[in-house]
């Protein structure tokens, strides 16, 4: 939370523009670090040279990753361009280029092996990640109203880039998903006895004060306990924390004996790669993943090796007694 009147004003500005709570927390973190780096000098009395010095320090002294450096820059760009209305202009600073890393992809057999070592609730989450191409927090933020079982689809609200999208729902997961939704609804009914419901965005909660009583707002994967709403400060039930799923995946990987680096996001990568492998159009996969640019989706063609399809290793030709190709 903000620790000064200035940071409190930035906090209110970010919230007024409707950014997510995660973005709000991230921006405030980097703005605070920027101010402390310059000896608590007020940002109004600083500008592009100080921003450049801070970013250079992060790269050269703190050895932060390229993406971290970009997040810091975005935070300070918001501070000056949006909040203070003092555009930074050309910083004369070039961010380090992020080297391309191919995503880790599991084979269908490896996915199945990990699923067998997961407890029921985390397993259902991972099945949705792999079966629908979701990010882990997109899955955990699913509400009952977002699941269209007859239509075989899921509505993803406020995904990356603050975008909504629709993606497919695998038929094989429906029985377990219906059971999970049933348990969530039962929990919702018990919560209502104490006048407690699922956490709802603050603006909607004020506009529709009884919305929390509607089962459609209940999270499909609710948390075990109550918490305070981050804006309204009332008691509510949030969704399951992503650390629960990440820890379960780590244990399942260890039990399966798979040596690849496996994270929750690996199952989204595997979803995309296996669809392309099955011959689905890359534009279709792009829509299902929610990528703004098809070039982001094209990374999976490199995982498949489609860019060198039909090329034979010269060692194979040698072993077959053929002359190497000139």
Protein backbone atom coordinates (compact mmCIF):
# COMPACT_ATOMS: atom_id res chain seq x y z
CA UNK A 1 0.00 0.00 0.00
CA UNK A 2 1.13 3.63 -0.53
CA UNK A 3 3.42 5.05 2.16
CA UNK A 4 3.31 8.74 1.23
CA UNK A 5 0.76 11.33 0.04
CA UNK A 6 2.39 11.33 -3.41
CA UNK A 7 2.23 7.55 -3.81
CA UNK A 8 -1.37 7.67 -2.57
CA UNK A 9 -2.20 10.12 -5.36
CA UNK A 10 -0.56 7.79 -7.91
CA UNK A 11 -2.52 4.92 -6.38
CA UNK A 12 -5.82 6.75 -6.86
CA UNK A 13 -4.84 7.72 -10.41
CA UNK A 14 -4.10 4.11 -11.39
CA UNK A 15 -7.37 2.90 -9.86
CA UNK A 16 -9.33 5.65 -11.60
CA UNK A 17 -8.07 4.38 -14.97
CA UNK A 18 -9.29 0.85 -14.23
CA UNK A 19 -5.99 -1.02 -14.20
CA UNK A 20 -5.89 -4.44 -12.56
CA UNK A 21 -4.84 -4.75 -8.94
CA UNK A 22 -1.72 -6.63 -10.02
CA UNK A 23 -0.70 -3.81 -12.38
CA UNK A 24 -1.46 -1.29 -9.66
CA UNK A 25 0.82 -3.09 -7.21
CA UNK A 26 3.61 -3.45 -9.80
CA UNK A 27 3.55 0.20 -10.87
CA UNK A 28 3.63 1.44 -7.28
CA UNK A 29 6.54 -0.87 -6.48
CA UNK A 30 8.74 0.44 -9.30
CA UNK A 31 7.80 4.08 -8.78
CA UNK A 32 8.73 3.76 -5.11
CA UNK A 33 12.07 2.13 -6.00
CA UNK A 34 12.76 4.92 -8.50
CA UNK A 35 12.14 7.59 -5.85
CA UNK A 36 14.31 5.82 -3.25
CA UNK A 37 17.10 5.32 -5.80
CA UNK A 38 17.30 9.09 -6.24
CA UNK A 39 17.35 9.83 -2.52
CA UNK A 40 13.60 10.51 -2.17
CA UNK A 41 13.76 13.36 -4.65
CA UNK A 42 10.27 14.32 -5.87
CA UNK A 43 9.50 12.96 -9.39
CA UNK A 44 8.30 16.42 -10.47
CA UNK A 45 11.90 17.61 -10.07
CA UNK A 46 13.26 14.72 -12.14
CA UNK A 47 12.83 13.56 -15.70
CA UNK A 48 14.35 11.55 -18.53
CA UNK A 49 17.99 11.64 -17.30
CA UNK A 50 16.98 10.24 -13.90
CA UNK A 51 14.80 7.55 -15.50
CA UNK A 52 17.68 6.58 -17.79
CA UNK A 53 20.08 6.39 -14.83
CA UNK A 54 17.67 4.18 -12.88
CA UNK A 55 17.13 1.77 -15.79
CA UNK A 56 20.88 1.59 -16.44
CA UNK A 57 21.46 0.80 -12.76
CA UNK A 58 18.91 -2.02 -12.89
CA UNK A 59 20.66 -3.55 -15.89
CA UNK A 60 24.31 -3.06 -14.95
CA UNK A 61 24.29 -3.33 -11.14
CA UNK A 62 21.18 -5.36 -10.35
CA UNK A 63 21.42 -7.63 -13.43
CA UNK A 64 17.64 -7.76 -13.79
CA UNK A 65 16.04 -9.66 -16.65
CA UNK A 66 15.02 -7.78 -19.79
CA UNK A 67 11.32 -8.20 -19.02
CA UNK A 68 11.83 -6.77 -15.52
CA UNK A 69 13.57 -3.75 -17.03
CA UNK A 70 10.62 -3.27 -19.40
CA UNK A 71 8.13 -3.43 -16.52
CA UNK A 72 10.10 -0.77 -14.65
CA UNK A 73 10.11 1.43 -17.77
CA UNK A 74 6.34 0.98 -18.24
CA UNK A 75 5.77 1.98 -14.61
CA UNK A 76 7.81 5.17 -14.94
CA UNK A 77 6.28 5.96 -18.34
CA UNK A 78 2.86 5.83 -16.65
CA UNK A 79 4.10 8.07 -13.84
CA UNK A 80 5.34 10.80 -16.17
CA UNK A 81 3.14 10.47 -19.25
CA UNK A 82 -0.19 9.79 -17.53
CA UNK A 83 -0.07 10.90 -13.90
CA UNK A 84 2.27 13.90 -13.96
CA UNK A 85 1.54 14.77 -17.62
CA UNK A 86 5.24 15.46 -18.15
CA UNK A 87 6.10 13.25 -21.16
CA UNK A 88 9.55 11.73 -20.97
CA UNK A 89 10.16 12.01 -24.70
CA UNK A 90 13.17 10.23 -26.16
CA UNK A 91 15.18 8.71 -23.34
CA UNK A 92 18.15 8.01 -25.60
CA UNK A 93 18.09 4.58 -23.99
CA UNK A 94 17.75 1.22 -25.67
CA UNK A 95 16.50 -1.73 -23.67
CA UNK A 96 18.51 -4.90 -23.86
CA UNK A 97 17.23 -7.29 -26.50
CA UNK A 98 15.58 -10.36 -25.10
CA UNK A 99 17.03 -13.50 -26.60
CA UNK A 100 14.50 -15.83 -28.08
CA UNK A 101 13.76 -18.85 -25.96
CA UNK A 102 11.75 -21.70 -27.36
CA UNK A 103 8.91 -22.71 -25.02
CA UNK A 104 9.14 -26.03 -23.25
CA UNK A 105 6.53 -28.43 -24.63
CA UNK A 106 5.47 -31.78 -23.22
CA UNK A 107 4.42 -34.73 -25.31
CA UNK A 108 0.83 -35.99 -24.83
CA UNK A 109 2.24 -38.96 -22.90
CA UNK A 110 4.18 -36.65 -20.57
CA UNK A 111 1.09 -34.51 -19.96
CA UNK A 112 -0.86 -37.65 -19.08
CA UNK A 113 1.90 -38.82 -16.76
CA UNK A 114 1.90 -35.56 -14.78
CA UNK A 115 -1.91 -35.54 -14.59
CA UNK A 116 -1.87 -38.95 -12.88
CA UNK A 117 0.27 -37.51 -10.06
CA UNK A 118 -1.94 -34.49 -9.36
CA UNK A 119 -4.65 -34.23 -6.66
CA UNK A 120 -8.22 -33.79 -8.02
CA UNK A 121 -8.58 -29.99 -7.85
CA UNK A 122 -5.12 -29.07 -9.25
CA UNK A 123 -5.56 -31.78 -11.86
CA UNK A 124 -8.77 -30.19 -13.12
CA UNK A 125 -7.02 -26.82 -13.36
CA UNK A 126 -4.14 -28.31 -15.38
CA UNK A 127 -6.61 -30.17 -17.61
CA UNK A 128 -8.23 -26.81 -18.41
CA UNK A 129 -4.83 -25.21 -19.06
CA UNK A 130 -3.90 -27.99 -21.47
CA UNK A 131 -7.38 -28.52 -22.90
CA UNK A 132 -8.31 -24.86 -23.42
CA UNK A 133 -4.98 -23.01 -23.61
CA UNK A 134 -5.53 -20.94 -20.48
CA UNK A 135 -3.04 -19.09 -18.34
CA UNK A 136 -3.20 -20.29 -14.74
CA UNK A 137 -4.78 -17.10 -13.37
CA UNK A 138 -7.29 -17.00 -16.24
CA UNK A 139 -8.41 -20.43 -15.12
CA UNK A 140 -8.56 -19.57 -11.43
CA UNK A 141 -10.56 -16.41 -12.17
CA UNK A 142 -13.26 -18.38 -13.99
CA UNK A 143 -16.70 -17.79 -12.52
CA UNK A 144 -19.66 -20.11 -12.86
CA UNK A 145 -21.27 -17.74 -15.39
CA UNK A 146 -18.17 -17.97 -17.62
CA UNK A 147 -18.60 -21.70 -18.26
CA UNK A 148 -20.85 -22.63 -21.18
CA UNK A 149 -21.05 -26.40 -21.00
CA UNK A 150 -23.78 -26.87 -23.69
CA UNK A 151 -21.82 -24.64 -26.06
CA UNK A 152 -18.49 -26.27 -25.20
CA UNK A 153 -16.73 -22.96 -24.52
CA UNK A 154 -15.24 -20.76 -21.83
CA UNK A 155 -15.40 -16.98 -21.58
CA UNK A 156 -12.11 -15.50 -20.42
CA UNK A 157 -12.63 -12.06 -18.92
CA UNK A 158 -9.96 -9.40 -18.56
CA UNK A 159 -7.12 -11.57 -19.81
CA UNK A 160 -3.64 -10.35 -20.64
CA UNK A 161 -3.85 -6.93 -22.25
CA UNK A 162 -7.25 -6.41 -20.54
CA UNK A 163 -8.96 -8.40 -23.31
CA UNK A 164 -11.90 -10.80 -23.23
CA UNK A 165 -11.94 -13.88 -25.44
CA UNK A 166 -13.76 -17.16 -25.95
CA UNK A 167 -11.94 -20.48 -26.07
CA UNK A 168 -12.96 -24.09 -26.40
CA UNK A 169 -13.90 -26.46 -23.59
CA UNK A 170 -12.78 -30.06 -23.92
CA UNK A 171 -15.67 -32.53 -23.66
CA UNK A 172 -13.67 -35.03 -21.60
CA UNK A 173 -13.33 -32.57 -18.72
CA UNK A 174 -17.04 -31.69 -18.49
CA UNK A 175 -18.11 -34.31 -15.88
CA UNK A 176 -15.39 -33.26 -13.42
CA UNK A 177 -15.99 -29.57 -14.16
CA UNK A 178 -19.73 -29.98 -13.46
CA UNK A 179 -18.87 -31.65 -10.16
CA UNK A 180 -16.49 -28.80 -9.25
CA UNK A 181 -19.14 -26.20 -10.11
CA UNK A 182 -21.64 -28.08 -7.96
CA UNK A 183 -19.28 -27.97 -4.97
CA UNK A 184 -18.64 -24.26 -5.55
CA UNK A 185 -22.38 -23.55 -5.57
CA UNK A 186 -22.87 -25.48 -2.32
CA UNK A 187 -20.08 -23.47 -0.70
CA UNK A 188 -21.71 -20.30 -1.98
CA UNK A 189 -25.01 -21.21 -0.30
CA UNK A 190 -23.23 -21.82 3.02
CA UNK A 191 -21.40 -18.48 2.71
CA UNK A 192 -24.68 -16.64 2.18
CA UNK A 193 -25.83 -17.77 5.62
CA UNK A 194 -23.11 -15.45 6.93
CA UNK A 195 -23.86 -12.72 4.34
CA UNK A 196 -20.54 -13.44 2.62
CA UNK A 197 -20.09 -13.99 -1.10
CA UNK A 198 -17.42 -14.12 -3.79
CA UNK A 199 -15.22 -11.08 -4.34
CA UNK A 200 -16.67 -8.82 -7.03
CA UNK A 201 -15.00 -5.83 -8.73
CA UNK A 202 -15.63 -2.85 -6.48
CA UNK A 203 -17.50 -0.71 -9.05
CA UNK A 204 -19.86 -3.57 -9.89
CA UNK A 205 -20.32 -4.36 -6.22
CA UNK A 206 -21.46 -0.79 -5.58
CA UNK A 207 -23.75 -0.74 -8.60
CA UNK A 208 -25.26 -4.15 -7.83
CA UNK A 209 -24.91 -4.58 -4.04
CA UNK A 210 -26.73 -7.94 -4.06
CA UNK A 211 -24.80 -9.44 -6.97
CA UNK A 212 -22.73 -11.59 -4.58
CA UNK A 213 -25.91 -13.57 -3.82
CA UNK A 214 -26.13 -14.82 -7.42
CA UNK A 215 -24.40 -18.20 -7.92
CA UNK A 216 -23.11 -17.14 -11.32
CA UNK A 217 -20.60 -14.84 -9.64
CA UNK A 218 -19.07 -17.67 -7.62
CA UNK A 219 -15.56 -18.73 -8.58
CA UNK A 220 -15.29 -22.22 -10.03
CA UNK A 221 -12.15 -22.71 -7.90
CA UNK A 222 -12.88 -20.83 -4.65
CA UNK A 223 -10.34 -20.33 -1.89
CA UNK A 224 -10.64 -22.31 1.32
CA UNK A 225 -11.02 -19.27 3.55
CA UNK A 226 -12.27 -15.70 3.61
CA UNK A 227 -10.27 -12.54 3.01
CA UNK A 228 -10.79 -8.79 3.03
CA UNK A 229 -11.77 -7.22 -0.29
CA UNK A 230 -8.74 -5.17 -1.47
CA UNK A 231 -10.91 -2.13 -2.21
CA UNK A 232 -14.13 -2.41 -0.19
CA UNK A 233 -12.42 -4.02 2.84
CA UNK A 234 -15.46 -6.27 3.48
CA UNK A 235 -15.18 -10.01 4.03
CA UNK A 236 -15.46 -12.13 0.87
CA UNK A 237 -14.24 -15.37 -0.68
CA UNK A 238 -11.62 -15.05 -3.41
CA UNK A 239 -10.44 -17.67 -5.86
CA UNK A 240 -7.78 -20.29 -5.13
CA UNK A 241 -4.26 -18.83 -5.08
CA UNK A 242 -2.03 -19.78 -7.99
CA UNK A 243 0.74 -20.93 -5.63
CA UNK A 244 -1.41 -23.96 -4.74
CA UNK A 245 -1.38 -25.10 -8.37
CA UNK A 246 2.29 -24.29 -8.93
CA UNK A 247 3.37 -26.34 -5.91
CA UNK A 248 1.20 -29.26 -6.99
CA UNK A 249 2.72 -29.21 -10.49
CA UNK A 250 6.24 -29.15 -9.02
CA UNK A 251 5.51 -32.21 -6.87
CA UNK A 252 3.85 -34.03 -9.77
CA UNK A 253 6.81 -33.40 -12.03
CA UNK A 254 9.18 -34.80 -9.42
CA UNK A 255 7.02 -37.88 -8.96
CA UNK A 256 6.74 -38.44 -12.73
CA UNK A 257 10.49 -38.43 -13.32
CA UNK A 258 10.21 -35.92 -16.18
CA UNK A 259 13.40 -33.85 -16.40
CA UNK A 260 12.05 -30.98 -18.50
CA UNK A 261 11.41 -27.67 -16.76
CA UNK A 262 7.65 -27.83 -16.21
CA UNK A 263 5.52 -24.88 -15.06
CA UNK A 264 1.81 -24.17 -15.29
CA UNK A 265 2.47 -22.23 -18.50
CA UNK A 266 4.05 -25.32 -20.06
CA UNK A 267 0.58 -26.78 -20.52
CA UNK A 268 -0.58 -23.71 -22.46
CA UNK A 269 2.50 -24.07 -24.69
CA UNK A 270 1.67 -27.74 -25.17
CA UNK A 271 -1.95 -26.91 -26.08
CA UNK A 272 -0.82 -24.60 -28.89
CA UNK A 273 1.89 -26.90 -30.20
CA UNK A 274 -0.31 -29.99 -30.25
CA UNK A 275 -3.09 -28.13 -32.11
CA UNK A 276 -0.64 -26.99 -34.79
CA UNK A 277 0.79 -30.49 -34.91
CA UNK A 278 -2.73 -31.81 -35.57
CA UNK A 279 -3.03 -29.49 -38.58
CA UNK A 280 -5.16 -26.67 -37.17
CA UNK A 281 -4.80 -23.23 -38.74
CA UNK A 282 -2.39 -20.88 -36.96
CA UNK A 283 -4.99 -18.08 -36.98
CA UNK A 284 -7.41 -20.33 -35.08
CA UNK A 285 -4.73 -21.10 -32.50
CA UNK A 286 -3.94 -17.37 -32.25
CA UNK A 287 -7.58 -16.59 -31.42
CA UNK A 288 -7.83 -19.35 -28.84
CA UNK A 289 -4.66 -18.17 -27.10
CA UNK A 290 -5.67 -14.51 -27.24
CA UNK A 291 -2.48 -13.33 -28.99
CA UNK A 292 -2.72 -9.87 -30.56
CA UNK A 293 -0.03 -10.64 -33.13
CA UNK A 294 0.25 -13.89 -35.09
CA UNK A 295 4.04 -13.61 -34.81
CA UNK A 296 3.70 -14.49 -31.13
CA UNK A 297 1.88 -17.69 -32.10
CA UNK A 298 4.45 -18.52 -34.78
CA UNK A 299 7.01 -19.39 -32.11
CA UNK A 300 5.28 -22.76 -31.82
CA UNK A 301 6.10 -23.60 -35.45
CA UNK A 302 9.76 -23.48 -34.41
CA UNK A 303 9.02 -25.97 -31.65
CA UNK A 304 7.47 -28.24 -34.25
CA UNK A 305 10.38 -27.77 -36.63
CA UNK A 306 8.07 -26.83 -39.51
CA UNK A 307 10.61 -24.32 -40.81
CA UNK A 308 12.96 -27.17 -41.76
CA UNK A 309 10.34 -29.77 -42.69
CA UNK A 310 11.63 -32.19 -45.33
CA UNK A 311 15.30 -31.54 -44.51
CA UNK A 312 17.35 -34.68 -43.82
CA UNK A 313 20.39 -34.88 -41.59
CA UNK A 314 23.63 -35.43 -43.56
CA UNK A 315 24.52 -38.14 -41.03
CA UNK A 316 21.45 -40.13 -42.08
CA UNK A 317 22.52 -39.90 -45.72
CA UNK A 318 26.00 -41.08 -44.78
CA UNK A 319 24.65 -44.05 -42.84
CA UNK A 320 22.48 -44.97 -45.82
CA UNK A 321 25.50 -44.91 -48.08
CA UNK A 322 24.41 -41.81 -49.96
CA UNK A 323 26.73 -39.03 -51.00
CA UNK A 324 26.38 -35.83 -49.00
CA UNK A 325 24.34 -33.12 -50.64
CA UNK A 326 26.55 -30.32 -52.03
